[in-house]
N, C-alpha and C. Protein backbone atom coordinates (compact mmCIF):
# COMPACT_ATOMS: atom_id res chain seq x y z
N UNK A 1 -48.76 -86.02 80.93
CA UNK A 1 -47.98 -87.24 81.05
C UNK A 1 -47.07 -87.41 79.84
N UNK A 2 -45.85 -87.83 80.07
CA UNK A 2 -44.93 -88.04 78.95
C UNK A 2 -45.22 -89.34 78.21
N UNK A 3 -44.78 -89.41 76.97
CA UNK A 3 -44.93 -90.62 76.15
C UNK A 3 -43.58 -91.32 76.12
N UNK A 4 -43.54 -92.56 76.58
CA UNK A 4 -42.31 -93.35 76.62
C UNK A 4 -42.31 -94.39 75.52
N UNK A 5 -41.13 -94.66 74.98
CA UNK A 5 -40.96 -95.70 73.96
C UNK A 5 -40.42 -96.95 74.64
N UNK A 6 -40.95 -98.09 74.25
CA UNK A 6 -40.51 -99.37 74.80
C UNK A 6 -40.11 -100.31 73.68
N UNK A 7 -39.19 -101.22 73.99
CA UNK A 7 -38.74 -102.25 73.06
C UNK A 7 -38.68 -103.56 73.82
N UNK A 8 -39.41 -104.57 73.33
CA UNK A 8 -39.42 -105.85 74.03
C UNK A 8 -38.29 -106.74 73.52
N UNK A 9 -38.06 -107.86 74.22
CA UNK A 9 -36.98 -108.77 73.85
C UNK A 9 -37.26 -109.46 72.52
N UNK A 10 -38.51 -109.50 72.07
CA UNK A 10 -38.85 -110.09 70.78
C UNK A 10 -38.70 -109.10 69.63
N UNK A 11 -38.45 -107.82 69.93
CA UNK A 11 -38.24 -106.82 68.90
C UNK A 11 -39.43 -105.93 68.62
N UNK A 12 -40.51 -106.06 69.38
CA UNK A 12 -41.68 -105.20 69.18
C UNK A 12 -41.40 -103.82 69.78
N UNK A 13 -41.79 -102.80 69.06
CA UNK A 13 -41.60 -101.42 69.49
C UNK A 13 -42.97 -100.79 69.70
N UNK A 14 -43.18 -100.15 70.87
CA UNK A 14 -44.46 -99.49 71.12
C UNK A 14 -44.24 -98.28 72.03
N UNK A 15 -45.23 -97.42 72.06
CA UNK A 15 -45.20 -96.22 72.89
C UNK A 15 -46.36 -96.26 73.87
N UNK A 16 -46.13 -95.65 75.04
CA UNK A 16 -47.17 -95.65 76.06
C UNK A 16 -47.07 -94.35 76.85
N UNK A 17 -48.21 -93.70 77.08
CA UNK A 17 -48.26 -92.49 77.90
C UNK A 17 -48.39 -92.91 79.35
N UNK A 18 -47.35 -92.60 80.14
CA UNK A 18 -47.33 -92.99 81.55
C UNK A 18 -46.78 -91.84 82.38
N UNK A 19 -46.98 -91.93 83.67
CA UNK A 19 -46.46 -90.93 84.58
C UNK A 19 -44.96 -91.06 84.78
N UNK A 20 -44.39 -90.09 85.46
CA UNK A 20 -42.94 -90.10 85.69
C UNK A 20 -42.51 -91.23 86.61
N UNK A 21 -43.38 -91.68 87.46
CA UNK A 21 -43.02 -92.72 88.42
C UNK A 21 -43.28 -94.14 87.90
N UNK A 22 -43.58 -94.31 86.63
CA UNK A 22 -43.83 -95.64 86.04
C UNK A 22 -42.52 -96.44 86.01
N UNK A 23 -42.60 -97.75 86.23
CA UNK A 23 -41.38 -98.56 86.19
C UNK A 23 -40.79 -98.63 84.78
N UNK A 24 -39.47 -98.81 84.71
CA UNK A 24 -38.78 -98.84 83.41
C UNK A 24 -39.03 -100.13 82.66
N UNK A 25 -39.40 -101.21 83.37
CA UNK A 25 -39.69 -102.48 82.70
C UNK A 25 -41.19 -102.72 82.70
N UNK A 26 -41.71 -103.06 81.54
CA UNK A 26 -43.14 -103.34 81.35
C UNK A 26 -43.28 -104.65 80.60
N UNK A 27 -44.50 -105.13 80.46
CA UNK A 27 -44.75 -106.30 79.62
C UNK A 27 -45.27 -105.82 78.27
N UNK A 28 -44.82 -106.47 77.21
CA UNK A 28 -45.20 -106.11 75.85
C UNK A 28 -46.68 -106.43 75.63
N UNK A 29 -47.47 -105.49 75.07
CA UNK A 29 -48.88 -105.77 74.82
C UNK A 29 -49.08 -106.76 73.67
N UNK A 30 -48.07 -106.96 72.80
CA UNK A 30 -48.20 -107.87 71.66
C UNK A 30 -47.91 -109.31 72.04
N UNK A 31 -46.74 -109.53 72.69
CA UNK A 31 -46.32 -110.91 72.96
C UNK A 31 -46.25 -111.24 74.45
N UNK A 32 -46.29 -110.25 75.33
CA UNK A 32 -46.27 -110.50 76.76
C UNK A 32 -44.88 -110.66 77.37
N UNK A 33 -43.83 -110.50 76.58
CA UNK A 33 -42.47 -110.62 77.12
C UNK A 33 -42.04 -109.30 77.77
N UNK A 34 -40.91 -109.35 78.46
CA UNK A 34 -40.41 -108.15 79.14
C UNK A 34 -39.93 -107.12 78.12
N UNK A 35 -40.21 -105.86 78.41
CA UNK A 35 -39.76 -104.77 77.54
C UNK A 35 -39.13 -103.69 78.41
N UNK A 36 -38.19 -102.97 77.82
CA UNK A 36 -37.47 -101.92 78.53
C UNK A 36 -37.71 -100.57 77.87
N UNK A 37 -37.72 -99.55 78.70
CA UNK A 37 -37.91 -98.19 78.21
C UNK A 37 -36.67 -97.76 77.43
N UNK A 38 -36.89 -97.15 76.27
CA UNK A 38 -35.81 -96.69 75.42
C UNK A 38 -35.58 -95.19 75.62
N UNK A 39 -34.36 -94.76 75.40
CA UNK A 39 -34.05 -93.34 75.48
C UNK A 39 -34.44 -92.70 74.15
N UNK A 40 -35.20 -91.63 74.21
CA UNK A 40 -35.63 -90.95 72.99
C UNK A 40 -35.47 -89.45 73.16
N UNK A 41 -35.49 -88.74 72.04
CA UNK A 41 -35.34 -87.30 72.06
C UNK A 41 -36.64 -86.63 72.49
N UNK A 42 -36.55 -85.58 73.28
CA UNK A 42 -37.76 -84.85 73.65
C UNK A 42 -38.24 -83.98 72.50
N UNK A 43 -39.51 -83.71 72.47
CA UNK A 43 -40.09 -82.84 71.45
C UNK A 43 -40.07 -81.41 71.99
N UNK A 44 -39.04 -80.64 71.63
CA UNK A 44 -38.89 -79.27 72.10
C UNK A 44 -38.95 -78.33 70.91
N UNK A 45 -39.79 -77.33 71.00
CA UNK A 45 -39.90 -76.32 69.95
C UNK A 45 -39.68 -74.97 70.60
N UNK A 46 -38.64 -74.25 70.16
CA UNK A 46 -38.36 -72.93 70.69
C UNK A 46 -39.13 -71.90 69.88
N UNK A 47 -39.97 -71.15 70.56
CA UNK A 47 -40.77 -70.13 69.90
C UNK A 47 -40.48 -68.78 70.53
N UNK A 48 -40.65 -67.74 69.76
CA UNK A 48 -40.46 -66.40 70.28
C UNK A 48 -39.50 -65.61 69.42
N UNK A 49 -39.30 -64.37 69.79
CA UNK A 49 -38.48 -63.49 68.97
C UNK A 49 -37.00 -63.61 69.28
N UNK A 50 -36.62 -64.31 70.33
CA UNK A 50 -35.22 -64.36 70.73
C UNK A 50 -34.46 -65.56 70.24
N UNK A 51 -34.94 -66.27 69.24
CA UNK A 51 -34.28 -67.49 68.80
C UNK A 51 -33.82 -67.36 67.36
N UNK A 52 -32.85 -68.14 66.99
CA UNK A 52 -32.17 -68.05 65.70
C UNK A 52 -33.11 -68.20 64.53
N UNK A 53 -34.03 -69.14 64.58
CA UNK A 53 -34.85 -69.42 63.40
C UNK A 53 -35.78 -68.26 63.05
N UNK A 54 -36.14 -67.43 63.99
CA UNK A 54 -37.04 -66.33 63.67
C UNK A 54 -36.31 -65.00 63.50
N UNK A 55 -35.14 -64.83 64.07
CA UNK A 55 -34.46 -63.54 64.00
C UNK A 55 -33.44 -63.45 62.89
N UNK A 56 -32.55 -64.41 62.79
CA UNK A 56 -31.39 -64.25 61.92
C UNK A 56 -31.42 -65.10 60.66
N UNK A 57 -32.27 -66.05 60.56
CA UNK A 57 -32.20 -66.99 59.45
C UNK A 57 -32.58 -66.33 58.13
N UNK A 58 -33.58 -65.50 58.11
CA UNK A 58 -34.02 -64.86 56.87
C UNK A 58 -33.11 -63.68 56.57
N UNK A 59 -32.48 -63.70 55.40
CA UNK A 59 -31.66 -62.58 54.97
C UNK A 59 -30.24 -62.59 55.51
N UNK A 60 -29.92 -63.41 56.48
CA UNK A 60 -28.58 -63.40 57.05
C UNK A 60 -27.60 -64.17 56.18
N UNK A 61 -28.06 -65.15 55.42
CA UNK A 61 -27.15 -65.97 54.63
C UNK A 61 -26.57 -65.19 53.47
N UNK A 62 -27.35 -64.36 52.80
CA UNK A 62 -26.85 -63.63 51.64
C UNK A 62 -26.55 -62.17 51.92
N UNK A 63 -26.82 -61.71 53.12
CA UNK A 63 -26.64 -60.29 53.44
C UNK A 63 -25.33 -60.10 54.18
N UNK A 64 -24.37 -59.43 53.53
CA UNK A 64 -23.09 -59.16 54.15
C UNK A 64 -22.98 -57.70 54.59
N UNK A 65 -24.09 -57.01 54.70
CA UNK A 65 -24.08 -55.60 55.03
C UNK A 65 -23.50 -55.32 56.40
N UNK A 66 -23.80 -56.15 57.40
CA UNK A 66 -23.31 -55.90 58.74
C UNK A 66 -21.80 -56.07 58.82
N UNK A 67 -21.27 -57.09 58.19
CA UNK A 67 -19.84 -57.32 58.23
C UNK A 67 -19.06 -56.25 57.50
N UNK A 68 -19.57 -55.78 56.36
CA UNK A 68 -18.85 -54.77 55.60
C UNK A 68 -18.90 -53.41 56.30
N UNK A 69 -19.98 -53.11 57.02
CA UNK A 69 -20.03 -51.83 57.71
C UNK A 69 -19.06 -51.81 58.88
N UNK A 70 -18.85 -52.93 59.52
CA UNK A 70 -17.89 -52.99 60.61
C UNK A 70 -16.48 -52.79 60.08
N UNK A 71 -16.15 -53.49 58.99
CA UNK A 71 -14.81 -53.35 58.43
C UNK A 71 -14.61 -51.96 57.84
N UNK A 72 -15.66 -51.36 57.29
CA UNK A 72 -15.54 -50.01 56.73
C UNK A 72 -15.29 -49.01 57.85
N UNK A 73 -15.97 -49.17 58.99
CA UNK A 73 -15.75 -48.27 60.11
C UNK A 73 -14.33 -48.42 60.64
N UNK A 74 -13.86 -49.65 60.71
CA UNK A 74 -12.52 -49.92 61.21
C UNK A 74 -11.48 -49.31 60.27
N UNK A 75 -11.71 -49.42 58.98
CA UNK A 75 -10.79 -48.86 58.00
C UNK A 75 -10.76 -47.34 58.06
N UNK A 76 -11.91 -46.71 58.31
CA UNK A 76 -11.97 -45.26 58.39
C UNK A 76 -11.18 -44.75 59.59
N UNK A 77 -11.25 -45.48 60.71
CA UNK A 77 -10.52 -45.03 61.89
C UNK A 77 -9.02 -45.13 61.66
N UNK A 78 -8.57 -46.11 60.91
CA UNK A 78 -7.14 -46.22 60.61
C UNK A 78 -6.72 -45.10 59.67
N UNK A 79 -7.54 -44.78 58.68
CA UNK A 79 -7.21 -43.72 57.73
C UNK A 79 -7.17 -42.37 58.43
N UNK A 80 -8.13 -42.13 59.31
CA UNK A 80 -8.16 -40.84 59.99
C UNK A 80 -6.96 -40.70 60.91
N UNK A 81 -6.48 -41.80 61.48
CA UNK A 81 -5.30 -41.75 62.32
C UNK A 81 -4.06 -41.43 61.51
N UNK A 82 -3.92 -42.01 60.33
CA UNK A 82 -2.76 -41.73 59.48
C UNK A 82 -2.84 -40.33 58.90
N UNK A 83 -4.06 -39.83 58.63
CA UNK A 83 -4.23 -38.47 58.13
C UNK A 83 -3.80 -37.46 59.19
N UNK A 84 -4.17 -37.73 60.44
CA UNK A 84 -3.79 -36.79 61.50
C UNK A 84 -2.29 -36.79 61.71
N UNK A 85 -1.62 -37.94 61.53
CA UNK A 85 -0.16 -38.00 61.64
C UNK A 85 0.49 -37.21 60.51
N UNK A 86 -0.07 -37.30 59.31
CA UNK A 86 0.47 -36.57 58.17
C UNK A 86 0.29 -35.06 58.37
N UNK A 87 -0.85 -34.67 58.92
CA UNK A 87 -1.09 -33.25 59.18
C UNK A 87 -0.15 -32.73 60.25
N UNK A 88 0.12 -33.55 61.27
CA UNK A 88 1.03 -33.15 62.34
C UNK A 88 2.45 -33.00 61.81
N UNK A 89 2.84 -33.89 60.89
CA UNK A 89 4.19 -33.82 60.31
C UNK A 89 4.33 -32.57 59.45
N UNK A 90 3.28 -32.20 58.72
CA UNK A 90 3.35 -31.01 57.86
C UNK A 90 3.32 -29.74 58.72
N UNK A 91 2.67 -29.78 59.85
CA UNK A 91 2.58 -28.61 60.71
C UNK A 91 3.92 -28.32 61.37
N UNK A 92 4.76 -29.33 61.58
CA UNK A 92 6.07 -29.12 62.23
C UNK A 92 6.99 -28.55 61.28
């Protein structure tokens, strides 16, 4: 059963574990006035190896190794292309 938060017209705040089909308006257990269900954030915890907090957070902030290897590979392909053009020009 989910836990719902309620706020009465007098300002009392309370929580109650109720089923999904419970009415949105209840009576306050403190003062007996009408109270309405409040919108609240769900308690969701993502666990497992496929989520950011367990895979990339450690070492990713200070580690630039992946970015530099990509740019180094890209730079090598440009250099090899210009080298082959220079070799072709000398061969002619």
